[in-house]
Amino acid sequence: MHYPRRISKIKRARKQGFRARMRTANGRKLINRKRRDGRHRISIV
């Protein structure tokens, strides 16, 4: 059976990855906001 959403890892990384985020001002804001919140607090809500 074919899984419908088989997006390639490369495509995903280019769209949503760290370097894609760093390219835009809003992406950098998003990363900084996540860093301020901290990983631990985000993951266990």
Protein backbone atom coordinates (compact mmCIF):
# COMPACT_ATOMS: atom_id res chain seq x y z
CA MET A 1 0.00 0.00 0.00
CA HIS A 2 1.32 3.42 -0.95
CA TYR A 3 1.66 5.95 1.82
CA PRO A 4 0.13 9.20 0.52
CA ARG A 5 2.44 11.81 2.04
CA ARG A 6 5.87 10.52 1.13
CA ILE A 7 7.68 13.86 0.93
CA SER A 8 11.43 13.55 0.56
CA LYS A 9 13.64 14.44 3.50
CA ILE A 10 15.59 16.86 1.33
CA LYS A 11 12.44 18.74 0.25
CA ARG A 12 11.27 18.92 3.84
CA ALA A 13 14.63 20.20 5.08
CA ARG A 14 14.78 22.84 2.39
CA LYS A 15 11.31 24.07 3.27
CA GLN A 16 11.27 23.74 7.05
CA GLY A 17 14.88 23.21 8.04
CA PHE A 18 17.20 25.41 10.04
CA ARG A 19 18.89 27.03 7.06
CA ALA A 20 15.54 27.77 5.41
CA ARG A 21 14.44 29.52 8.62
CA MET A 22 17.69 31.50 8.85
CA ARG A 23 17.14 32.85 5.33
CA THR A 24 14.19 35.05 6.32
CA ALA A 25 13.85 37.66 9.04
CA ASN A 26 10.68 36.04 10.38
CA GLY A 27 12.37 32.64 10.38
CA ARG A 28 15.19 34.01 12.51
CA LYS A 29 12.65 35.53 14.89
CA LEU A 30 10.94 32.16 15.16
CA ILE A 31 14.19 30.37 15.98
CA ASN A 32 15.12 32.98 18.60
CA ARG A 33 11.67 32.72 20.15
CA LYS A 34 11.99 28.94 20.38
CA ARG A 35 15.46 29.32 21.91
CA ARG A 36 14.15 31.72 24.53
CA ASP A 37 11.38 29.31 25.50
CA GLY A 38 13.82 26.43 25.71
CA ARG A 39 13.47 22.93 24.32
CA HIS A 40 12.43 21.22 27.52
CA ARG A 41 9.52 23.52 28.24
CA ILE A 42 8.15 23.20 24.70
CA SER A 43 8.24 19.41 24.54
CA ILE A 44 6.58 18.68 27.87
CA VAL A 45 3.38 20.73 27.91
